[in-house]
C-alpha atoms as a PDB file:
ATOM      1  CA  MET A   1       3.678 -11.776 -20.322  1.00  0.00           C
ATOM      2  CA  LYS A   2       0.111 -10.951 -19.738  1.00  0.00           C
ATOM      3  CA  LYS A   3       0.805  -9.841 -16.023  1.00  0.00           C
ATOM      4  CA  LEU A   4       3.486  -7.708 -17.148  1.00  0.00           C
ATOM      5  CA  LEU A   5       1.202  -5.779 -19.489  1.00  0.00           C
ATOM      6  CA  ILE A   6      -1.631  -5.678 -16.686  1.00  0.00           C
ATOM      7  CA  ALA A   7       1.209  -3.684 -14.710  1.00  0.00           C
ATOM      8  CA  LEU A   8       2.193  -1.849 -16.667  1.00  0.00           C
ATOM      9  CA  VAL A   9      -1.361  -0.642 -17.738  1.00  0.00           C
ATOM     10  CA  THR A  10      -1.483  -0.175 -14.365  1.00  0.00           C
ATOM     11  CA  LEU A  11       1.122   1.604 -13.539  1.00  0.00           C
ATOM     12  CA  VAL A  12       1.823   4.195 -16.469  1.00  0.00           C
ATOM     13  CA  PRO A  13      -1.695   6.270 -15.610  1.00  0.00           C
ATOM     14  CA  SER A  14       0.055   6.103 -12.012  1.00  0.00           C
ATOM     15  CA  LEU A  15       2.662   7.196 -13.048  1.00  0.00           C
ATOM     16  CA  ALA A  16       1.602  10.322 -15.182  1.00  0.00           C
ATOM     17  CA  MET A  17      -0.494  11.474 -12.111  1.00  0.00           C
ATOM     18  CA  ALA A  18       2.873  11.486  -9.950  1.00  0.00           C
ATOM     19  CA  ALA A  19       4.597  13.360 -12.156  1.00  0.00           C
ATOM     20  CA  SER A  20       2.185  15.806 -12.564  1.00  0.00           C
ATOM     21  CA  GLY A  21       1.659  16.472  -8.527  1.00  0.00           C
ATOM     22  CA  HIS A  22       3.309  18.699  -6.655  1.00  0.00           C
ATOM     23  CA  ASN A  23       6.058  19.394  -4.196  1.00  0.00           C
ATOM     24  CA  VAL A  24       4.589  18.718  -0.636  1.00  0.00           C
ATOM     25  CA  HIS A  25       6.478  17.799   2.941  1.00  0.00           C
ATOM     26  CA  LEU A  26       5.816  14.478   3.181  1.00  0.00           C
ATOM     27  CA  GLU A  27       5.830  12.444   7.028  1.00  0.00           C
ATOM     28  CA  SER A  28       7.861   9.197   7.065  1.00  0.00           C
ATOM     29  CA  ALA A  29       5.659   6.175   7.016  1.00  0.00           C
ATOM     30  CA  ASN A  30       8.181   4.255   9.154  1.00  0.00           C
ATOM     31  CA  VAL A  31       6.213   0.862   7.513  1.00  0.00           C
ATOM     32  CA  ASP A  32       7.970  -2.254   9.439  1.00  0.00           C
ATOM     33  CA  LEU A  33       6.910  -5.203   6.785  1.00  0.00           C
ATOM     34  CA  HIS A  34       7.972  -7.957   9.931  1.00  0.00           C
ATOM     35  CA  ASP A  35       5.178  -6.284  11.670  1.00  0.00           C
ATOM     36  CA  THR A  36       2.415  -8.818  10.412  1.00  0.00           C
ATOM     37  CA  ALA A  37      -0.085  -7.588  13.707  1.00  0.00           C
ATOM     38  CA  SER A  38       0.398  -3.729  11.966  1.00  0.00           C
ATOM     39  CA  LEU A  39      -0.188  -5.164   8.346  1.00  0.00           C
ATOM     40  CA  GLU A  40      -3.100  -7.248   9.551  1.00  0.00           C
ATOM     41  CA  ARG A  41      -4.663  -3.967  11.102  1.00  0.00           C
ATOM     42  CA  GLY A  42      -4.307  -2.560   8.107  1.00  0.00           C
ATOM     43  CA  LEU A  43      -5.712  -5.172   6.348  1.00  0.00           C
ATOM     44  CA  ASP A  44      -8.660  -4.434   8.631  1.00  0.00           C
ATOM     45  CA  LEU A  45      -9.055  -0.887   7.502  1.00  0.00           C
ATOM     46  CA  PHE A  46      -8.432  -1.721   4.146  1.00  0.00           C
ATOM     47  CA  GLN A  47     -11.228  -4.062   3.737  1.00  0.00           C
ATOM     48  CA  ASN A  48     -13.771  -1.848   5.631  1.00  0.00           C
ATOM     49  CA  TYR A  49     -12.976   1.619   4.855  1.00  0.00           C
ATOM     50  CA  CYS A  50     -11.562   1.175   1.183  1.00  0.00           C
ATOM     51  CA  SER A  51     -12.726  -2.204  -0.940  1.00  0.00           C
ATOM     52  CA  GLY A  52     -16.343  -0.914  -1.582  1.00  0.00           C
ATOM     53  CA  CYS A  53     -14.477   1.339  -4.146  1.00  0.00           C
ATOM     54  CA  HIS A  54     -11.277   0.001  -4.321  1.00  0.00           C
ATOM     55  CA  SER A  55      -9.682  -3.461  -5.141  1.00  0.00           C
ATOM     56  CA  THR A  56      -6.209  -5.182  -4.865  1.00  0.00           C
ATOM     57  CA  GLN A  57      -6.500  -7.166  -7.518  1.00  0.00           C
ATOM     58  CA  TYR A  58      -3.432  -8.169  -7.928  1.00  0.00           C
ATOM     59  CA  GLN A  59      -3.861  -9.628  -4.301  1.00  0.00           C
ATOM     60  CA  ARG A  60      -5.177 -13.131  -3.309  1.00  0.00           C
ATOM     61  CA  TYR A  61      -6.874 -13.923  -0.087  1.00  0.00           C
ATOM     62  CA  GLU A  62      -5.250 -17.007   0.324  1.00  0.00           C
ATOM     63  CA  ARG A  63      -1.367 -15.508  -0.316  1.00  0.00           C
ATOM     64  CA  VAL A  64      -2.393 -12.514   1.990  1.00  0.00           C
ATOM     65  CA  ALA A  65      -3.786 -15.090   4.818  1.00  0.00           C
ATOM     66  CA  THR A  66      -0.679 -17.155   4.357  1.00  0.00           C
ATOM     67  CA  ASP A  67       1.616 -14.008   4.323  1.00  0.00           C
ATOM     68  CA  LEU A  68       0.122 -12.693   7.526  1.00  0.00           C
ATOM     69  CA  ASN A  69      -0.714 -15.820   9.122  1.00  0.00           C
ATOM     70  CA  ILE A  70      -4.441 -15.571   9.559  1.00  0.00           C
ATOM     71  CA  SER A  71      -6.263 -18.795   9.523  1.00  0.00           C
ATOM     72  CA  VAL A  72      -8.410 -19.194   6.444  1.00  0.00           C
ATOM     73  CA  ASP A  73     -11.706 -19.357   8.681  1.00  0.00           C
ATOM     74  CA  ASP A  74     -10.565 -15.663   9.869  1.00  0.00           C
ATOM     75  CA  MET A  75     -10.139 -14.707   6.705  1.00  0.00           C
ATOM     76  CA  ARG A  76     -13.235 -15.800   5.175  1.00  0.00           C
ATOM     77  CA  ASN A  77     -15.162 -14.468   8.332  1.00  0.00           C
ATOM     78  CA  LYS A  78     -13.853 -10.985   8.933  1.00  0.00           C
ATOM     79  CA  TYR A  79     -12.300  -9.543   5.591  1.00  0.00           C
ATOM     80  CA  ILE A  80     -13.946 -11.216   2.744  1.00  0.00           C
ATOM     81  CA  PHE A  81     -17.594  -9.280   2.058  1.00  0.00           C
ATOM     82  CA  THR A  82     -18.401 -10.076  -1.331  1.00  0.00           C
ATOM     83  CA  GLY A  83     -18.720 -13.159  -1.423  1.00  0.00           C
ATOM     84  CA  SER A  84     -15.521 -13.939  -3.069  1.00  0.00           C
ATOM     85  CA  LYS A  85     -13.899 -17.834  -2.518  1.00  0.00           C
ATOM     86  CA  ILE A  86     -10.454 -17.600  -0.340  1.00  0.00           C
ATOM     87  CA  GLY A  87      -8.707 -18.201  -3.210  1.00  0.00           C
ATOM     88  CA  GLU A  88      -9.638 -15.738  -5.385  1.00  0.00           C
ATOM     89  CA  LEU A  89      -8.629 -12.054  -6.209  1.00  0.00           C
ATOM     90  CA  MET A  90      -9.359  -9.189  -3.849  1.00  0.00           C
ATOM     91  CA  GLU A  91     -11.415  -7.321  -6.325  1.00  0.00           C
ATOM     92  CA  ASN A  92     -13.915  -4.356  -4.984  1.00  0.00           C
ATOM     93  CA  SER A  93     -17.700  -4.073  -4.427  1.00  0.00           C
ATOM     94  CA  ILE A  94     -18.439  -1.913  -6.815  1.00  0.00           C
ATOM     95  CA  PRO A  95     -19.144  -1.829 -10.781  1.00  0.00           C
ATOM     96  CA  ALA A  96     -16.603  -0.061 -12.460  1.00  0.00           C
ATOM     97  CA  ALA A  97     -19.259   1.308 -14.662  1.00  0.00           C
ATOM     98  CA  ASP A  98     -21.513   2.384 -11.570  1.00  0.00           C
ATOM     99  CA  ALA A  99     -18.732   3.404  -9.768  1.00  0.00           C
ATOM    100  CA  ALA A 100     -17.631   6.006 -12.893  1.00  0.00           C
ATOM    101  CA  LYS A 101     -20.849   6.734 -13.382  1.00  0.00           C
ATOM    102  CA  TRP A 102     -21.223   8.309  -9.546  1.00  0.00           C
ATOM    103  CA  PHE A 103     -17.135   9.338  -8.939  1.00  0.00           C
ATOM    104  CA  GLY A 104     -16.719  10.777 -12.198  1.00  0.00           C
ATOM    105  CA  ALA A 105     -13.924   8.050 -12.837  1.00  0.00           C
ATOM    106  CA  ALA A 106     -13.809   4.356 -11.594  1.00  0.00           C
ATOM    107  CA  PRO A 107     -11.491   4.239  -8.265  1.00  0.00           C
ATOM    108  CA  PRO A 108      -8.294   2.882  -8.928  1.00  0.00           C
ATOM    109  CA  ASP A 109      -6.593  -0.434  -8.177  1.00  0.00           C
ATOM    110  CA  LEU A 110      -4.227   0.175  -5.139  1.00  0.00           C
ATOM    111  CA  THR A 111      -2.672  -3.130  -5.241  1.00  0.00           C
ATOM    112  CA  LEU A 112       0.684  -1.209  -6.945  1.00  0.00           C
ATOM    113  CA  VAL A 113      -0.316   2.383  -5.418  1.00  0.00           C
ATOM    114  CA  ALA A 114       2.756   2.347  -2.400  1.00  0.00           C
ATOM    115  CA  ARG A 115       5.150   0.945  -5.229  1.00  0.00           C
ATOM    116  CA  VAL A 116       4.497   3.821  -7.885  1.00  0.00           C
ATOM    117  CA  ARG A 117       4.088   6.624  -4.961  1.00  0.00           C
ATOM    118  CA  GLY A 118       6.064   5.665  -2.388  1.00  0.00           C
ATOM    119  CA  ALA A 119       5.329   4.770   1.114  1.00  0.00           C
ATOM    120  CA  ASP A 120       5.257   8.133   2.740  1.00  0.00           C
ATOM    121  CA  TRP A 121       3.577   9.547  -0.395  1.00  0.00           C
ATOM    122  CA  VAL A 122       0.465   7.153   0.863  1.00  0.00           C
ATOM    123  CA  TYR A 123       0.724   8.002   4.555  1.00  0.00           C
ATOM    124  CA  SER A 124       0.877  11.631   3.632  1.00  0.00           C
ATOM    125  CA  TYR A 125      -2.262  11.519   1.850  1.00  0.00           C
ATOM    126  CA  LEU A 126      -3.898   9.227   4.117  1.00  0.00           C
ATOM    127  CA  LYS A 127      -3.412  12.333   5.984  1.00  0.00           C
ATOM    128  CA  GLY A 128      -3.637  15.284   3.777  1.00  0.00           C
ATOM    129  CA  PHE A 129      -8.018  15.766   3.958  1.00  0.00           C
ATOM    130  CA  TYR A 130      -8.590  19.284   5.249  1.00  0.00           C
ATOM    131  CA  ALA A 131     -12.507  20.430   5.145  1.00  0.00           C
ATOM    132  CA  ASP A 132     -12.913  22.650   1.685  1.00  0.00           C
ATOM    133  CA  GLU A 133     -16.534  23.905   1.647  1.00  0.00           C
ATOM    134  CA  SER A 134     -15.691  24.554  -2.158  1.00  0.00           C
ATOM    135  CA  ARG A 135     -15.102  20.724  -3.349  1.00  0.00           C
ATOM    136  CA  PRO A 136     -18.008  18.552  -4.260  1.00  0.00           C
ATOM    137  CA  PHE A 137     -17.356  16.189  -1.290  1.00  0.00           C
ATOM    138  CA  GLY A 138     -16.728  18.741   1.148  1.00  0.00           C
ATOM    139  CA  VAL A 139     -12.580  18.269   1.753  1.00  0.00           C
ATOM    140  CA  ASN A 140      -9.236  18.805   0.327  1.00  0.00           C
ATOM    141  CA  ASN A 141      -6.052  17.199   0.439  1.00  0.00           C
ATOM    142  CA  THR A 142      -2.689  18.562   1.018  1.00  0.00           C
ATOM    143  CA  VAL A 143      -0.936  16.327  -0.660  1.00  0.00           C
ATOM    144  CA  PHE A 144      -3.405  15.613  -3.948  1.00  0.00           C
ATOM    145  CA  PRO A 145      -5.023  18.955  -4.519  1.00  0.00           C
ATOM    146  CA  LEU A 146      -8.402  18.898  -5.715  1.00  0.00           C
ATOM    147  CA  VAL A 147      -8.991  15.276  -4.895  1.00  0.00           C
ATOM    148  CA  GLY A 148     -11.991  13.549  -6.255  1.00  0.00           C
ATOM    149  CA  MET A 149     -12.858  11.057  -3.230  1.00  0.00           C
ATOM    150  CA  PRO A 150     -14.686  11.989   0.340  1.00  0.00           C
ATOM    151  CA  HIS A 151     -12.602  11.579   3.575  1.00  0.00           C
ATOM    152  CA  VAL A 152     -13.868   8.001   4.244  1.00  0.00           C
ATOM    153  CA  LEU A 153     -12.059   7.488   7.580  1.00  0.00           C
ATOM    154  CA  GLN A 154     -13.309  10.778   9.165  1.00  0.00           C
ATOM    155  CA  GLY A 155     -15.274   8.991  11.679  1.00  0.00           C
ATOM    156  CA  LEU A 156     -11.897   8.103  12.721  1.00  0.00           C
ATOM    157  CA  GLN A 157     -10.247  11.371  12.184  1.00  0.00           C
ATOM    158  CA  GLY A 158     -12.927  13.688  12.526  1.00  0.00           C
ATOM    159  CA  LEU A 159     -12.893  16.641  10.220  1.00  0.00           C
ATOM    160  CA  PRO A 160      -9.409  18.149  10.144  1.00  0.00           C
ATOM    161  CA  VAL A 161      -9.622  21.815   9.707  1.00  0.00           C
ATOM    162  CA  LYS A 162      -6.361  23.702   7.581  1.00  0.00           C
ATOM    163  CA  GLN A 163      -5.086  26.695  10.154  1.00  0.00           C
ATOM    164  CA  GLU A 164      -3.221  29.384   8.807  1.00  0.00           C
ATOM    165  CA  ASP A 165       0.382  28.252   9.260  1.00  0.00           C
ATOM    166  CA  GLY A 166      -0.741  25.203   7.160  1.00  0.00           C
ATOM    167  CA  THR A 167      -1.039  22.644   9.819  1.00  0.00           C
ATOM    168  CA  LEU A 168      -4.623  20.032  10.210  1.00  0.00           C
ATOM    169  CA  VAL A 169      -6.174  20.464  13.184  1.00  0.00           C
ATOM    170  CA  ALA A 170      -8.885  17.121  13.490  1.00  0.00           C
ATOM    171  CA  THR A 171     -11.895  17.149  15.653  1.00  0.00           C
ATOM    172  CA  GLY A 172     -14.710  14.812  16.630  1.00  0.00           C
ATOM    173  CA  GLY A 173     -12.943  11.633  15.928  1.00  0.00           C
ATOM    174  CA  SER A 174     -13.203   8.014  17.331  1.00  0.00           C
ATOM    175  CA  MET A 175      -9.468   8.246  17.968  1.00  0.00           C
ATOM    176  CA  THR A 176      -6.847  10.289  19.389  1.00  0.00           C
ATOM    177  CA  ALA A 177      -4.314  11.763  16.995  1.00  0.00           C
ATOM    178  CA  GLU A 178      -1.823   9.266  17.398  1.00  0.00           C
ATOM    179  CA  GLU A 179      -4.162   6.386  17.411  1.00  0.00           C
ATOM    180  CA  TYR A 180      -5.150   7.585  13.984  1.00  0.00           C
ATOM    181  CA  ASP A 181      -1.694   8.232  13.176  1.00  0.00           C
ATOM    182  CA  GLN A 182      -0.953   4.318  13.569  1.00  0.00           C
ATOM    183  CA  ALA A 183      -3.628   3.059  12.305  1.00  0.00           C
ATOM    184  CA  MET A 184      -2.499   5.550   8.854  1.00  0.00           C
ATOM    185  CA  ARG A 185       0.793   3.199   9.736  1.00  0.00           C
ATOM    186  CA  ASP A 186      -0.358   0.240   9.608  1.00  0.00           C
ATOM    187  CA  LEU A 187      -2.755   0.962   6.395  1.00  0.00           C
ATOM    188  CA  THR A 188       0.603   1.990   4.382  1.00  0.00           C
ATOM    189  CA  GLY A 189       2.188  -0.946   5.539  1.00  0.00           C
ATOM    190  CA  PHE A 190      -0.465  -3.217   4.334  1.00  0.00           C
ATOM    191  CA  LEU A 191      -0.265  -1.560   0.555  1.00  0.00           C
ATOM    192  CA  VAL A 192       3.444  -1.598   0.667  1.00  0.00           C
ATOM    193  CA  TYR A 193       2.801  -4.946   1.566  1.00  0.00           C
ATOM    194  CA  SER A 194       0.136  -5.710  -1.414  1.00  0.00           C
ATOM    195  CA  GLY A 195       2.663  -4.127  -3.704  1.00  0.00           C
ATOM    196  CA  ASP A 196       5.793  -6.015  -3.090  1.00  0.00           C
ATOM    197  CA  PRO A 197       4.565  -8.972  -1.386  1.00  0.00           C
ATOM    198  CA  VAL A 198       7.531 -11.075  -1.748  1.00  0.00           C
ATOM    199  CA  LYS A 199       9.666  -8.085  -0.518  1.00  0.00           C
ATOM    200  CA  LEU A 200      11.071  -9.697   2.696  1.00  0.00           C
ATOM    201  CA  GLU A 201      11.200 -13.370   1.055  1.00  0.00           C
ATOM    202  CA  ARG A 202      12.990 -11.866  -1.842  1.00  0.00           C
ATOM    203  CA  GLU A 203      15.238 -10.179   0.864  1.00  0.00           C
ATOM    204  CA  ALA A 204      15.913 -12.952   2.757  1.00  0.00           C
ATOM    205  CA  LEU A 205      16.999 -15.297  -0.184  1.00  0.00           C
ATOM    206  CA  GLY A 206      19.450 -12.147  -1.538  1.00  0.00           C
ATOM    207  CA  TRP A 207      21.925 -12.807   1.571  1.00  0.00           C
ATOM    208  CA  TRP A 208      21.714 -16.360   0.900  1.00  0.00           C
ATOM    209  CA  VAL A 209      22.902 -15.614  -2.461  1.00  0.00           C
ATOM    210  CA  LEU A 210      25.322 -13.404  -1.108  1.00  0.00           C
ATOM    211  CA  GLY A 211      26.693 -16.081   1.084  1.00  0.00           C
ATOM    212  CA  PHE A 212      27.069 -19.097  -1.663  1.00  0.00           C
ATOM    213  CA  LEU A 213      28.659 -16.057  -4.337  1.00  0.00           C
ATOM    214  CA  PHE A 214      31.522 -15.271  -0.838  1.00  0.00           C
ATOM    215  CA  ILE A 215      32.018 -19.364  -0.508  1.00  0.00           C
ATOM    216  CA  PHE A 216      32.312 -20.285  -3.727  1.00  0.00           C
ATOM    217  CA  PHE A 217      34.915 -17.148  -4.556  1.00  0.00           C
ATOM    218  CA  ILE A 218      37.136 -18.272  -1.885  1.00  0.00           C
ATOM    219  CA  ILE A 219      36.738 -21.827  -3.603  1.00  0.00           C
ATOM    220  CA  ALA A 220      37.624 -20.298  -6.785  1.00  0.00           C
ATOM    221  CA  TYR A 221      40.637 -18.414  -5.328  1.00  0.00           C
ATOM    222  CA  PHE A 222      42.427 -21.598  -3.782  1.00  0.00           C
ATOM    223  CA  LEU A 223      41.648 -23.232  -7.016  1.00  0.00           C
ATOM    224  CA  LYS A 224      42.903 -20.653  -9.185  1.00  0.00           C
ATOM    225  CA  LYS A 225      46.324 -20.974  -7.055  1.00  0.00           C
ATOM    226  CA  GLU A 226      46.045 -24.822  -7.476  1.00  0.00           C
ATOM    227  CA  TYR A 227      46.377 -24.769 -10.936  1.00  0.00           C
ATOM    228  CA  TRP A 228      48.651 -22.128 -11.818  1.00  0.00           C
ATOM    229  CA  LYS A 229      51.325 -22.798  -9.129  1.00  0.00           C
ATOM    230  CA  ASP A 230      54.038 -24.397 -11.236  1.00  0.00           C
ATOM    231  CA  VAL A 231      53.549 -22.209 -13.827  1.00  0.00           C
ATOM    232  CA  HIS A 232      55.360 -18.985 -12.225  1.00  0.00           C
END
């Protein structure tokens, strides 16, 4: 019950924000949850570029390590920066009160963002930053207008400039456009996984359940025929 209440408290504000959005073209994320290498690259991006402000506090480091086939030592050495133990929740390193003071509002937890918004929204948002000198951090976003956060991945993508036809052209980044697209797909994939870490297990179990029901149906059919054969 406690977990349900926590999830509702997290989801309701996000749903309200999603409902207030505008209609924009969303690019397809094409996330593959079977690609654990991609998910680990997404984890690496999240921990290095996002976890300073955002958290995925309904995930545990140990569970992520197990699901993504990451050794305990690698998880400790490469992905835990806050001094947390591997069995603890993946909380960020910035106090909520300080974050609210610096940014106007505490950055939201992102455990369920892909589940609330959808993978395509997250992917398009990550690719939607562009230069806008009228904004406090010098950037705006095509998917989330008047966004209140900086473009923390600018070093990878460069600073996109919005063209007259609405397209974004970035220069000065360490990645090519294709490399950045893949990196954002990796990051989106990790957030999709975080929002529903048992999805693959649930889907696999579903096929076993359907198989059992099919076999049970056959047995029940012939049992019914056996019971009723002398009635007609």
